[in-house]
Amino acid sequence: MPTLQEAPKLYKFDYNAADEQGNRHYRTEEGDASGTVRGTYGYTDNQGLYRVVEYVADAGEFRANVRTNEPGTDGREPSRRPTDRRAATSRNPKLLQW
């Protein structure tokens, strides 16, 4: 007997929080009627180090792009003056059903 699958629901949320030391973290995400989810999350610490992850998850793939200036992320010794580093990933996950 076939089962009815509910259509994806539209949604959107975000938050942005900071502590008394000046560290900040945030996230935003939205899902559309096709089931595609897009979002960004990250943090910046009180010394200016940051990490930003932008991602998309759709019917067959999860993709993420990471930007950071964290020392040691380039495979070499950390420098006194870190620069932006980028990394990307793509993966075909198994279908997840909630």
Protein backbone atom coordinates (compact mmCIF):
# COMPACT_ATOMS: atom_id res chain seq x y z
CA MET A 1 0.00 0.00 0.00
CA PRO A 2 1.54 3.35 -1.00
CA THR A 3 2.16 5.88 1.72
CA LEU A 4 1.51 9.55 1.38
CA GLN A 5 4.51 11.73 1.97
CA GLU A 6 3.89 15.21 3.27
CA ALA A 7 5.26 18.03 1.12
CA PRO A 8 8.18 19.99 2.58
CA LYS A 9 7.13 23.03 4.56
CA LEU A 10 8.61 26.48 4.12
CA TYR A 11 10.53 27.74 7.12
CA LYS A 12 13.12 30.29 8.09
CA PHE A 13 14.94 31.05 11.34
CA ASP A 14 17.98 32.89 12.56
CA TYR A 15 19.76 34.00 15.68
CA ASN A 16 22.72 36.21 16.50
CA ALA A 17 24.25 36.09 19.98
CA ALA A 18 27.20 37.78 21.61
CA ASP A 19 28.73 37.40 25.04
CA GLU A 20 30.25 39.97 27.39
CA GLN A 21 33.78 39.22 26.10
CA GLY A 22 32.84 40.16 22.51
CA ASN A 23 32.56 36.65 21.06
CA ARG A 24 29.70 36.27 18.59
CA HIS A 25 27.95 33.29 17.02
CA TYR A 26 25.04 33.17 14.63
CA ARG A 27 22.98 30.98 12.35
CA THR A 28 20.37 31.46 9.65
CA GLU A 29 18.56 28.72 7.76
CA GLU A 30 15.62 28.40 5.43
CA GLY A 31 13.85 25.55 3.70
CA ASP A 32 11.81 25.87 0.52
CA ALA A 33 8.89 23.96 -0.99
CA SER A 34 11.24 21.61 -2.88
CA GLY A 35 12.86 20.49 0.37
CA THR A 36 16.10 22.36 -0.29
CA VAL A 37 17.71 23.79 2.83
CA ARG A 38 20.17 26.70 2.72
CA GLY A 39 21.95 28.21 5.63
CA THR A 40 24.93 29.92 7.17
CA TYR A 41 26.43 29.64 10.60
CA GLY A 42 29.59 30.89 12.19
CA TYR A 43 31.37 32.71 14.92
CA THR A 44 33.87 35.50 15.45
CA ASP A 45 35.89 35.60 18.64
CA ASN A 46 37.05 38.69 20.48
CA GLN A 47 40.46 38.49 18.79
CA GLY A 48 39.00 38.57 15.27
CA LEU A 49 39.29 34.87 14.43
CA TYR A 50 36.26 33.63 12.55
CA ARG A 51 34.67 30.65 10.84
CA VAL A 52 31.74 30.90 8.43
CA VAL A 53 30.01 27.82 7.00
CA GLU A 54 27.58 28.29 4.11
CA TYR A 55 25.64 25.17 3.16
CA VAL A 56 22.98 23.80 0.84
CA ALA A 57 21.25 20.44 1.21
CA ASP A 58 18.95 19.32 -1.57
CA ALA A 59 17.49 16.10 -2.97
CA GLY A 60 20.79 14.36 -3.57
CA GLU A 61 23.64 16.33 -2.11
CA PHE A 62 24.99 18.34 0.80
CA ARG A 63 27.45 21.11 -0.07
CA ALA A 64 29.32 23.32 2.34
CA ASN A 65 31.81 26.12 1.90
CA VAL A 66 33.95 27.05 4.91
CA ARG A 67 35.74 30.38 5.26
CA THR A 68 38.06 30.92 8.17
CA ASN A 69 41.13 32.80 9.26
CA GLU A 70 41.92 30.34 12.06
CA PRO A 71 45.64 29.61 12.45
CA GLY A 72 46.71 26.16 11.32
CA THR A 73 43.91 25.61 8.84
CA ASP A 74 46.19 25.77 5.82
CA GLY A 75 48.37 22.81 6.88
CA ARG A 76 51.34 25.01 7.79
CA GLU A 77 52.46 26.51 11.06
CA PRO A 78 50.06 29.16 12.31
CA SER A 79 51.12 32.68 11.49
CA ARG A 80 50.83 35.79 13.63
CA ARG A 81 48.60 37.31 10.97
CA PRO A 82 46.13 34.72 9.69
CA THR A 83 44.41 35.23 6.35
CA ASP A 84 41.15 33.90 4.98
CA ARG A 85 41.17 30.16 4.21
CA ARG A 86 38.54 28.39 2.13
CA ALA A 87 37.46 24.77 2.01
CA ALA A 88 34.57 23.14 0.20
CA THR A 89 32.92 19.79 0.57
CA SER A 90 30.27 17.94 -1.34
CA ARG A 91 28.73 14.64 -0.42
CA ASN A 92 25.85 12.49 -1.55
CA PRO A 93 24.27 11.41 1.72
CA LYS A 94 21.71 8.70 2.13
CA LEU A 95 18.17 9.98 2.04
CA LEU A 96 17.11 11.10 5.48
CA GLN A 97 13.48 11.11 6.44
CA TRP A 98 12.21 12.76 9.59
